[in-house]
Structure formats: C-alpha cells, structure tokens
Amino acid sequence: MDTFIVHADSKVSKALVAIFKALNVSYEIKKEKITKEDSPYDPEFVKKILERSESAKRGNVVEYTPELKQQWFGK
C-alpha cells in the first residue's frame, strides 16, 4: 500500500473525496489547526477586527450615504 499526503483547500478536497469514492479507495482526512504562532496576522490586529465585528453586531454602525460622502469628501 502507498500513502499520499496531499495539502488541499476545501474545494479540491471535495473533488478528491469524490474521486476516491469512485475508485473505491480508502482515505483519511486530517484537519490542520492553525496555531497563533502559525498565523500570519498580528494578534492585536485580529483582536481589533473581532471587537469591531462584535460592535457592528450590536448595531454600532454608520450607514454610508451620499450625504456622508459629501461631508467627508466634499464631492
């Protein structure tokens, strides 16, 4: 028996699973967990984005209207 290790995104993974099933090949799927150390994003940036997202869910938003555009950009 041979073992193949393939790193694929979810779209490709679905296609591979379909192929494996069609060929009656057994397979395993292991999800990789991205740790904080592996993340390409600054933790402070992530924290700010998550805070803003929660704030928006609570309704703390500003609607971008033509009047607001005029006020900000004078156009």
C-alpha atoms as a PDB file:
ATOM      1  CA  MET A   1       0.000   0.000   0.000  1.00  0.00           C
ATOM      2  CA  ASP A   2       1.201   3.522  -0.836  1.00  0.00           C
ATOM      3  CA  THR A   3       0.452   6.628   1.196  1.00  0.00           C
ATOM      4  CA  PHE A   4      -0.054  10.040  -0.370  1.00  0.00           C
ATOM      5  CA  ILE A   5      -0.078  13.247   1.624  1.00  0.00           C
ATOM      6  CA  VAL A   6      -1.997  15.993  -0.127  1.00  0.00           C
ATOM      7  CA  HIS A   7      -2.490  19.543   1.135  1.00  0.00           C
ATOM      8  CA  ALA A   8      -5.638  20.920  -0.471  1.00  0.00           C
ATOM      9  CA  ASP A   9      -8.258  23.566   0.155  1.00  0.00           C
ATOM     10  CA  SER A  10     -11.883  22.557   0.767  1.00  0.00           C
ATOM     11  CA  LYS A  11     -12.933  22.824  -2.885  1.00  0.00           C
ATOM     12  CA  VAL A  12     -10.166  20.487  -4.083  1.00  0.00           C
ATOM     13  CA  SER A  13     -10.722  18.200  -1.086  1.00  0.00           C
ATOM     14  CA  LYS A  14     -14.332  17.624  -2.122  1.00  0.00           C
ATOM     15  CA  ALA A  15     -13.232  16.679  -5.633  1.00  0.00           C
ATOM     16  CA  LEU A  16     -10.569  14.307  -4.309  1.00  0.00           C
ATOM     17  CA  VAL A  17     -13.066  12.622  -1.998  1.00  0.00           C
ATOM     18  CA  ALA A  18     -15.395  12.074  -4.963  1.00  0.00           C
ATOM     19  CA  ILE A  19     -12.548  10.522  -6.948  1.00  0.00           C
ATOM     20  CA  PHE A  20     -11.521   8.285  -4.033  1.00  0.00           C
ATOM     21  CA  LYS A  21     -15.096   7.098  -3.591  1.00  0.00           C
ATOM     22  CA  ALA A  22     -15.464   6.414  -7.325  1.00  0.00           C
ATOM     23  CA  LEU A  23     -12.251   4.371  -7.287  1.00  0.00           C
ATOM     24  CA  ASN A  24     -13.223   2.623  -4.035  1.00  0.00           C
ATOM     25  CA  VAL A  25     -10.040   3.878  -2.365  1.00  0.00           C
ATOM     26  CA  SER A  26      -9.884   4.259   1.398  1.00  0.00           C
ATOM     27  CA  TYR A  27      -8.806   7.678   2.646  1.00  0.00           C
ATOM     28  CA  GLU A  28      -8.401   9.787   5.788  1.00  0.00           C
ATOM     29  CA  ILE A  29      -8.932  13.484   6.231  1.00  0.00           C
ATOM     30  CA  LYS A  30      -6.985  15.311   8.922  1.00  0.00           C
ATOM     31  CA  LYS A  31      -7.794  18.949   9.541  1.00  0.00           C
ATOM     32  CA  GLU A  32      -4.825  21.177  10.292  1.00  0.00           C
ATOM     33  CA  LYS A  33      -5.265  23.557  13.161  1.00  0.00           C
ATOM     34  CA  ILE A  34      -3.584  26.887  12.715  1.00  0.00           C
ATOM     35  CA  THR A  35      -1.972  27.973  15.944  1.00  0.00           C
ATOM     36  CA  LYS A  36      -1.436  31.547  16.975  1.00  0.00           C
ATOM     37  CA  GLU A  37       2.247  31.096  16.225  1.00  0.00           C
ATOM     38  CA  ASP A  38       1.467  29.979  12.651  1.00  0.00           C
ATOM     39  CA  SER A  39      -0.958  32.812  11.937  1.00  0.00           C
ATOM     40  CA  PRO A  40       0.314  35.452   9.503  1.00  0.00           C
ATOM     41  CA  TYR A  41      -1.736  38.125  11.299  1.00  0.00           C
ATOM     42  CA  ASP A  42      -0.677  40.348  14.154  1.00  0.00           C
ATOM     43  CA  PRO A  43      -2.664  39.306  17.269  1.00  0.00           C
ATOM     44  CA  GLU A  44      -3.503  42.946  18.079  1.00  0.00           C
ATOM     45  CA  PHE A  45      -4.935  43.404  14.576  1.00  0.00           C
ATOM     46  CA  VAL A  46      -7.065  40.271  14.940  1.00  0.00           C
ATOM     47  CA  LYS A  47      -8.303  41.473  18.333  1.00  0.00           C
ATOM     48  CA  LYS A  48      -9.347  44.846  16.860  1.00  0.00           C
ATOM     49  CA  ILE A  49     -11.183  43.213  13.944  1.00  0.00           C
ATOM     50  CA  LEU A  50     -13.083  40.860  16.260  1.00  0.00           C
ATOM     51  CA  GLU A  51     -14.018  43.752  18.565  1.00  0.00           C
ATOM     52  CA  ARG A  52     -15.295  45.810  15.611  1.00  0.00           C
ATOM     53  CA  SER A  53     -17.291  42.847  14.357  1.00  0.00           C
ATOM     54  CA  GLU A  54     -18.987  42.421  17.737  1.00  0.00           C
ATOM     55  CA  SER A  55     -19.656  46.164  17.872  1.00  0.00           C
ATOM     56  CA  ALA A  56     -21.312  46.052  14.432  1.00  0.00           C
ATOM     57  CA  LYS A  57     -23.480  43.095  15.503  1.00  0.00           C
ATOM     58  CA  ARG A  58     -24.736  45.254  18.375  1.00  0.00           C
ATOM     59  CA  GLY A  59     -25.802  47.881  15.828  1.00  0.00           C
ATOM     60  CA  ASN A  60     -22.934  50.315  16.308  1.00  0.00           C
ATOM     61  CA  VAL A  61     -22.557  51.175  12.604  1.00  0.00           C
ATOM     62  CA  VAL A  62     -22.608  54.203  10.315  1.00  0.00           C
ATOM     63  CA  GLU A  63     -24.537  53.986   7.052  1.00  0.00           C
ATOM     64  CA  TYR A  64     -22.536  55.277   4.093  1.00  0.00           C
ATOM     65  CA  THR A  65     -24.949  57.689   2.411  1.00  0.00           C
ATOM     66  CA  PRO A  66     -24.491  60.314  -0.305  1.00  0.00           C
ATOM     67  CA  GLU A  67     -24.766  62.973   2.420  1.00  0.00           C
ATOM     68  CA  LEU A  68     -21.977  61.364   4.438  1.00  0.00           C
ATOM     69  CA  LYS A  69     -19.845  61.074   1.300  1.00  0.00           C
ATOM     70  CA  GLN A  70     -20.385  64.790   0.664  1.00  0.00           C
ATOM     71  CA  GLN A  71     -19.445  65.610   4.248  1.00  0.00           C
ATOM     72  CA  TRP A  72     -16.267  63.514   4.195  1.00  0.00           C
ATOM     73  CA  PHE A  73     -15.029  64.112   0.671  1.00  0.00           C
ATOM     74  CA  GLY A  74     -16.812  67.257  -0.484  1.00  0.00           C
ATOM     75  CA  LYS A  75     -17.960  65.603  -3.704  1.00  0.00           C
END
